[in-house]
Amino acid sequence: MKAVIMTAPGKPEVLQLREIPNPLPPANTELLIRLKAAGVNPIDTKLRDRGTFYPDKMPAILGCDGAGVVEAVGTAVKRFRAGDEVYFCNGGIGDRQGNYAEFTTVDERFVAPKPKSVSFIDAGAAPLVLITAWEALYERGRLQPGEKVLIHAGAGGVGHVAIQLAKLKGADVCATVSCQGKADFVKSLGVDYAINYKETDFVKAALDWTNGEGVDLAFDTVGGETFEKTFPAIRIYGDIVTILQPSAQTNWKVARQRNLRISLELMLTPMLQGIVEAQVHHGEILAECAELMDAGKLKVCVNRTFGLEEVGKAHELLEAGSMVGKLVIVNR
């Protein structure tokens, strides 16, 4: 099969399209999947640049997101059969094969039926951002109907999904964006107030929007100084969830004074720690999201697609920043 191989950390040029043996036949509860599409995520570019979590297991195939068709099933598989269309987030961090390839094997427990109403491209773009936003808002942030939420980088991959999930919960949503085009985009998703952070102090804007109290929940998808700057925009006893590593230089004084609850969201933890129950839960989240997508209540915006031979170009574009929606690798 064709696959994009990373033999060493470095620039996008280290990603090389090669012919390698097909995966072994699926064992027990495994599915052999013919991949149709694979999402490109910031974690992919970071692992390519810095090295995977398992540097002793090189070379590696990156790509956590996948969507495709079941080709064969293991002897203990109960939920799927050949021909079924599925999507999932599994592999791609250095220990198991990722999805920049034509085939892969995945345990059936971590897989969900692909939404019937969307293409493989849209499904391939979705898993990581769906799980991340779902866990951040619903499980870490404990979002409740009627609460006010601030979502940073609302037009981004995670941000634009988080907006929709927050609205589905019955929350009021403000989101930061960098231009009028992105403001129009997030408003089309239901945002109540789009804040152009390049023209407006987002803290003041959020406080004005909440009559000086602050939002109930802030979701930081940007990191760096944005994380700390967000503290005064949150109500006393409120929540902030971040998907980035807080800096060692973070000044926690305002967070402490406001008694904020700080939560960290890393959806890769179940894979990194081998927590099967949590990986099963990820499959359950994807199954629920598929129902929402088929009901027309949730969508993932795909910005651009690339062939397997263009993975390096996709990485370059993602690293350039200011991305609206997702990039997807397609097996043509």
Protein backbone atom coordinates (compact mmCIF):
# COMPACT_ATOMS: atom_id res chain seq x y z
CA MET A 1 0.00 0.00 0.00
CA LYS A 2 0.97 3.65 -0.30
CA ALA A 3 1.74 5.51 2.92
CA VAL A 4 3.45 8.70 4.02
CA ILE A 5 6.49 7.78 6.09
CA MET A 6 8.34 9.97 8.59
CA THR A 7 11.87 8.68 9.21
CA ALA A 8 13.10 11.55 11.41
CA PRO A 9 11.75 14.79 12.92
CA GLY A 10 12.04 17.90 10.81
CA LYS A 11 10.41 20.13 8.22
CA PRO A 12 7.55 18.92 6.00
CA GLU A 13 10.11 17.46 3.58
CA VAL A 14 10.68 14.54 6.00
CA LEU A 15 7.24 13.21 5.02
CA GLN A 16 7.81 10.84 2.10
CA LEU A 17 5.27 8.86 0.09
CA ARG A 18 6.39 5.23 -0.14
CA GLU A 19 5.13 1.76 -0.99
CA ILE A 20 5.03 -0.47 2.11
CA PRO A 21 3.42 -3.84 2.96
CA ASN A 22 -0.28 -3.88 3.73
CA PRO A 23 -1.25 -4.27 7.40
CA LEU A 24 -1.56 -7.81 8.73
CA PRO A 25 -5.06 -9.36 8.58
CA PRO A 26 -7.27 -8.08 11.43
CA ALA A 27 -7.10 -10.07 14.63
CA ASN A 28 -9.85 -10.65 17.20
CA THR A 29 -11.78 -7.35 17.53
CA GLU A 30 -9.83 -5.49 14.85
CA LEU A 31 -11.14 -4.03 11.60
CA LEU A 32 -9.09 -3.70 8.43
CA ILE A 33 -10.11 -0.35 6.94
CA ARG A 34 -9.53 1.01 3.47
CA LEU A 35 -8.92 4.66 4.24
CA LYS A 36 -10.73 7.24 2.16
CA ALA A 37 -9.72 10.38 4.05
CA ALA A 38 -7.59 11.52 6.99
CA GLY A 39 -7.81 14.84 8.81
CA VAL A 40 -4.72 16.98 9.36
CA ASN A 41 -4.37 18.38 12.88
CA PRO A 42 -1.86 20.58 14.73
CA ILE A 43 -0.70 17.53 16.70
CA ASP A 44 0.47 16.02 13.39
CA THR A 45 2.69 19.00 12.60
CA LYS A 46 4.07 19.12 16.14
CA LEU A 47 4.98 15.42 16.11
CA ARG A 48 6.57 15.78 12.70
CA ASP A 49 8.61 18.78 13.84
CA ARG A 50 9.63 17.63 17.33
CA GLY A 51 9.38 13.85 17.09
CA THR A 52 6.66 11.42 18.08
CA PHE A 53 5.82 10.23 21.57
CA TYR A 54 7.71 7.02 20.78
CA PRO A 55 11.03 8.00 19.16
CA ASP A 56 12.36 4.45 19.49
CA LYS A 57 9.64 3.18 17.14
CA MET A 58 10.60 5.07 14.00
CA PRO A 59 9.76 5.27 11.16
CA ALA A 60 6.25 6.51 11.84
CA ILE A 61 3.03 7.13 9.94
CA LEU A 62 1.21 10.18 11.29
CA GLY A 63 -2.48 11.09 11.18
CA CYS A 64 -4.94 10.45 14.03
CA ASP A 65 -8.18 11.05 12.12
CA GLY A 66 -9.54 8.51 9.67
CA ALA A 67 -12.62 7.61 7.65
CA GLY A 68 -13.06 4.68 5.33
CA VAL A 69 -14.66 1.36 4.47
CA VAL A 70 -14.28 -1.89 6.42
CA GLU A 71 -12.44 -4.39 4.19
CA ALA A 72 -12.24 -7.34 6.62
CA VAL A 73 -13.01 -8.10 10.28
CA GLY A 74 -11.37 -10.13 13.02
CA THR A 75 -12.92 -13.31 14.38
CA ALA A 76 -14.37 -11.61 17.48
CA VAL A 77 -15.85 -8.53 15.76
CA LYS A 78 -19.55 -8.10 16.52
CA ARG A 79 -20.54 -4.56 15.50
CA PHE A 80 -19.22 -4.21 11.96
CA ARG A 81 -18.87 -6.18 8.75
CA ALA A 82 -17.11 -5.72 5.43
CA GLY A 83 -18.53 -2.80 3.49
CA ASP A 84 -19.49 -0.70 6.50
CA GLU A 85 -18.47 2.97 6.41
CA VAL A 86 -16.74 4.18 9.58
CA TYR A 87 -14.79 7.04 11.14
CA PHE A 88 -12.47 7.19 14.13
CA CYS A 89 -9.51 8.82 15.88
CA ASN A 90 -6.77 6.25 16.49
CA GLY A 91 -3.05 5.83 15.92
CA GLY A 92 -0.69 8.39 14.44
CA ILE A 93 1.24 9.33 17.57
CA GLY A 94 4.19 7.01 17.06
CA ASP A 95 3.31 3.61 18.47
CA ARG A 96 0.52 2.55 16.10
CA GLN A 97 0.25 3.28 12.42
CA GLY A 98 -1.53 6.51 11.61
CA ASN A 99 -3.91 7.30 8.78
CA TYR A 100 -1.72 8.94 6.13
CA ALA A 101 -2.01 5.64 4.28
CA GLU A 102 -4.32 3.51 2.14
CA PHE A 103 -5.13 0.90 4.83
CA THR A 104 -5.03 0.57 8.59
CA THR A 105 -6.34 -1.67 11.38
CA VAL A 106 -8.36 -0.36 14.33
CA ASP A 107 -10.13 -2.05 17.23
CA GLU A 108 -13.87 -2.01 16.56
CA ARG A 109 -14.52 -0.62 20.04
CA PHE A 110 -12.87 2.68 19.09
CA VAL A 111 -14.78 3.13 15.84
CA ALA A 112 -18.17 4.65 15.03
CA PRO A 113 -20.40 4.38 11.95
CA LYS A 114 -19.72 7.26 9.58
CA PRO A 115 -22.52 9.84 9.43
CA LYS A 116 -24.66 8.80 6.48
CA SER A 117 -25.30 12.35 5.33
CA VAL A 118 -21.68 13.49 4.90
CA SER A 119 -18.82 12.58 2.59
CA PHE A 120 -15.73 10.63 3.60
CA ILE A 121 -13.84 13.92 3.36
CA ASP A 122 -16.07 15.60 5.94
CA ALA A 123 -16.01 12.50 8.16
CA GLY A 124 -12.22 12.24 7.94
CA ALA A 125 -11.91 15.85 9.10
CA ALA A 126 -14.11 15.39 12.13
CA PRO A 127 -13.03 12.93 14.87
CA LEU A 128 -10.26 14.72 16.79
CA VAL A 129 -11.98 18.10 16.82
CA LEU A 130 -15.35 16.58 17.74
CA ILE A 131 -13.93 14.63 20.68
CA THR A 132 -11.79 17.55 21.86
CA ALA A 133 -14.61 20.09 21.83
CA TRP A 134 -17.11 17.61 23.34
CA GLU A 135 -14.84 16.69 26.24
CA ALA A 136 -13.72 20.28 26.83
CA LEU A 137 -17.21 21.78 26.98
CA TYR A 138 -19.41 18.98 28.26
CA GLU A 139 -17.04 17.01 30.50
CA ARG A 140 -14.25 19.35 31.66
CA GLY A 141 -16.25 22.60 31.57
CA ARG A 142 -19.55 21.03 32.69
CA LEU A 143 -21.45 23.40 30.40
CA GLN A 144 -25.10 23.99 31.30
CA PRO A 145 -28.02 25.49 29.35
CA GLY A 146 -28.20 29.27 29.64
CA GLU A 147 -24.53 29.75 30.50
CA LYS A 148 -22.30 32.19 28.65
CA VAL A 149 -19.22 30.84 26.89
CA LEU A 150 -16.14 32.46 25.39
CA ILE A 151 -14.46 30.38 22.67
CA HIS A 152 -11.06 31.47 21.39
CA ALA A 153 -10.22 31.06 17.68
CA GLY A 154 -13.84 30.37 16.87
CA ALA A 155 -13.16 29.86 13.15
CA GLY A 156 -10.48 27.22 13.74
CA GLY A 157 -10.79 23.45 13.58
CA VAL A 158 -11.73 22.90 17.22
CA GLY A 159 -13.30 26.31 17.71
CA HIS A 160 -15.95 26.09 14.99
CA VAL A 161 -17.11 22.70 16.31
CA ALA A 162 -17.11 23.99 19.90
CA ILE A 163 -19.42 26.84 18.90
CA GLN A 164 -21.98 24.41 17.53
CA LEU A 165 -21.79 22.07 20.53
CA ALA A 166 -22.19 24.99 22.92
CA LYS A 167 -25.25 26.23 21.06
CA LEU A 168 -26.71 22.71 21.05
CA LYS A 169 -26.40 22.74 24.84
CA GLY A 170 -28.40 25.98 24.97
CA ALA A 171 -25.51 28.30 25.83
CA ASP A 172 -24.91 31.87 24.70
CA VAL A 173 -21.61 32.06 22.81
CA CYS A 174 -19.06 34.74 22.07
CA ALA A 175 -15.97 33.88 20.05
CA THR A 176 -12.73 35.60 19.15
CA VAL A 177 -11.77 35.97 15.48
CA SER A 178 -9.14 37.91 13.53
CA CYS A 179 -11.13 39.40 10.64
CA GLN A 180 -14.61 40.21 9.36
CA GLY A 181 -14.71 37.13 7.14
CA LYS A 182 -14.19 34.87 10.14
CA ALA A 183 -16.75 36.88 12.11
CA ASP A 184 -19.31 36.21 9.39
CA PHE A 185 -18.36 32.52 9.41
CA VAL A 186 -18.82 32.03 13.16
CA LYS A 187 -22.08 33.98 13.11
CA SER A 188 -23.34 31.53 10.49
CA LEU A 189 -22.71 28.80 13.09
CA GLY A 190 -24.81 30.56 15.70
CA VAL A 191 -22.34 32.78 17.57
CA ASP A 192 -24.13 35.51 19.48
CA TYR A 193 -21.16 37.90 19.59
CA ALA A 194 -18.02 37.78 17.43
CA ILE A 195 -15.05 39.65 18.92
CA ASN A 196 -12.31 40.80 16.54
CA TYR A 197 -9.40 40.58 18.97
CA LYS A 198 -7.17 42.63 16.65
CA GLU A 199 -9.49 45.62 16.97
CA THR A 200 -11.08 45.08 20.38
CA ASP A 201 -9.85 44.09 23.86
CA PHE A 202 -11.57 40.71 24.15
CA VAL A 203 -11.61 40.87 27.97
CA LYS A 204 -13.47 44.19 27.97
CA ALA A 205 -15.78 42.94 25.23
CA ALA A 206 -16.62 39.78 27.18
CA LEU A 207 -17.22 41.73 30.38
CA ASP A 208 -19.45 44.24 28.60
CA TRP A 209 -21.37 41.34 27.01
CA THR A 210 -21.99 39.82 30.47
CA ASN A 211 -22.79 43.10 32.27
CA GLY A 212 -19.43 43.06 34.03
CA GLU A 213 -19.72 39.58 35.51
CA GLY A 214 -17.62 37.56 33.07
CA VAL A 215 -18.42 34.39 31.15
CA ASP A 216 -19.28 31.15 32.92
CA LEU A 217 -16.84 29.16 30.80
CA ALA A 218 -13.87 30.08 28.60
CA PHE A 219 -12.44 27.59 26.12
CA ASP A 220 -8.83 28.34 25.16
CA THR A 221 -7.73 26.77 21.88
CA VAL A 222 -4.84 29.22 21.37
CA GLY A 223 -2.57 28.93 24.42
CA GLY A 224 0.42 31.12 25.20
CA GLU A 225 -0.39 34.51 26.68
CA THR A 226 -4.05 34.19 25.61
CA PHE A 227 -4.62 31.65 28.39
CA GLU A 228 -3.53 34.02 31.17
CA LYS A 229 -5.14 37.07 29.56
CA THR A 230 -8.50 35.29 29.65
CA PHE A 231 -8.66 34.95 33.46
CA PRO A 232 -10.32 38.36 34.14
CA ALA A 233 -12.95 37.68 31.45
CA ILE A 234 -14.36 34.78 33.50
CA ARG A 235 -16.83 35.19 36.32
CA ILE A 236 -15.83 34.48 39.89
CA TYR A 237 -16.08 30.71 40.47
CA GLY A 238 -16.15 30.20 36.71
CA ASP A 239 -14.32 27.72 34.48
CA ILE A 240 -11.54 27.81 31.92
CA VAL A 241 -10.53 24.83 29.80
CA THR A 242 -7.38 24.85 27.70
CA ILE A 243 -6.11 22.36 25.12
CA LEU A 244 -2.56 23.74 25.35
CA GLN A 245 0.20 23.32 27.93
CA PRO A 246 0.15 26.38 30.26
CA SER A 247 3.46 28.23 30.34
CA ALA A 248 5.72 27.86 33.35
CA GLN A 249 5.64 31.68 33.49
CA THR A 250 1.85 31.83 33.87
CA ASN A 251 0.81 34.32 36.56
CA TRP A 252 -2.05 32.60 38.39
CA LYS A 253 -2.92 35.53 40.67
CA VAL A 254 -6.12 36.62 38.90
CA ALA A 255 -7.28 33.03 38.49
CA ARG A 256 -6.75 32.45 42.20
CA GLN A 257 -8.47 35.67 43.23
CA ARG A 258 -11.49 34.76 41.10
CA ASN A 259 -11.49 31.16 42.34
CA LEU A 260 -11.46 29.82 38.80
CA ARG A 261 -11.62 26.13 38.08
CA ILE A 262 -8.84 25.27 35.61
CA SER A 263 -9.19 22.20 33.41
CA LEU A 264 -6.79 20.66 30.89
CA GLU A 265 -8.05 18.79 27.83
CA LEU A 266 -5.81 16.40 25.91
CA MET A 267 -7.92 13.97 23.95
CA LEU A 268 -4.84 11.86 23.18
CA THR A 269 -4.55 10.76 26.82
CA PRO A 270 -6.48 7.48 26.34
CA MET A 271 -4.15 6.46 23.50
CA LEU A 272 -1.02 7.60 25.34
CA GLN A 273 -1.99 5.82 28.55
CA GLY A 274 -3.65 2.78 26.99
CA ILE A 275 -6.98 3.45 28.73
CA VAL A 276 -9.35 1.21 26.78
CA GLU A 277 -12.53 2.44 28.51
CA ALA A 278 -11.75 6.03 27.56
CA GLN A 279 -11.00 5.03 23.96
CA VAL A 280 -14.37 3.27 23.88
CA HIS A 281 -15.92 6.49 25.18
CA HIS A 282 -14.37 8.38 22.27
CA GLY A 283 -16.14 6.00 19.91
CA GLU A 284 -19.38 6.68 21.77
CA ILE A 285 -18.89 10.45 21.39
CA LEU A 286 -18.37 10.01 17.66
CA ALA A 287 -21.54 7.91 17.42
CA GLU A 288 -23.54 10.69 19.12
CA CYS A 289 -21.97 13.32 16.87
CA ALA A 290 -22.84 11.24 13.81
CA GLU A 291 -26.50 11.38 14.84
CA LEU A 292 -26.26 15.15 15.24
CA MET A 293 -24.62 15.50 11.83
CA ASP A 294 -27.26 13.35 10.17
CA ALA A 295 -29.93 15.49 11.85
CA GLY A 296 -28.35 18.62 10.32
CA LYS A 297 -27.41 20.02 13.74
CA LEU A 298 -23.63 19.73 13.49
CA LYS A 299 -21.09 20.10 10.69
CA VAL A 300 -17.36 20.22 10.16
CA CYS A 301 -16.03 22.77 7.70
CA VAL A 302 -13.37 21.48 5.30
CA ASN A 303 -11.12 24.24 3.99
CA ARG A 304 -9.06 22.27 1.46
CA THR A 305 -8.11 18.73 0.45
CA PHE A 306 -4.77 17.19 -0.57
CA GLY A 307 -3.61 13.89 -2.03
CA LEU A 308 -1.29 11.54 -0.13
CA GLU A 309 1.62 12.90 -2.15
CA GLU A 310 0.79 16.43 -0.88
CA VAL A 311 0.85 15.84 2.89
CA GLY A 312 3.88 18.12 3.23
CA LYS A 313 1.98 20.96 1.57
CA ALA A 314 -0.92 20.43 3.97
CA HIS A 315 1.46 20.67 6.92
CA GLU A 316 2.97 23.89 5.55
CA LEU A 317 -0.46 25.48 5.16
CA LEU A 318 -1.60 24.46 8.65
CA GLU A 319 1.60 25.77 10.24
CA ALA A 320 1.16 29.10 8.47
CA GLY A 321 -1.82 29.75 10.79
CA SER A 322 -5.10 31.65 10.39
CA MET A 323 -6.86 28.48 9.28
CA VAL A 324 -10.63 28.38 8.86
CA GLY A 325 -11.96 24.85 9.38
CA LYS A 326 -9.97 21.70 8.57
CA LEU A 327 -7.52 20.28 6.02
CA VAL A 328 -8.00 16.72 4.80
CA ILE A 329 -5.83 14.12 3.04
CA VAL A 330 -7.79 12.16 0.42
CA ASN A 331 -6.97 8.80 -1.16
CA ARG A 332 -7.92 9.52 -4.77
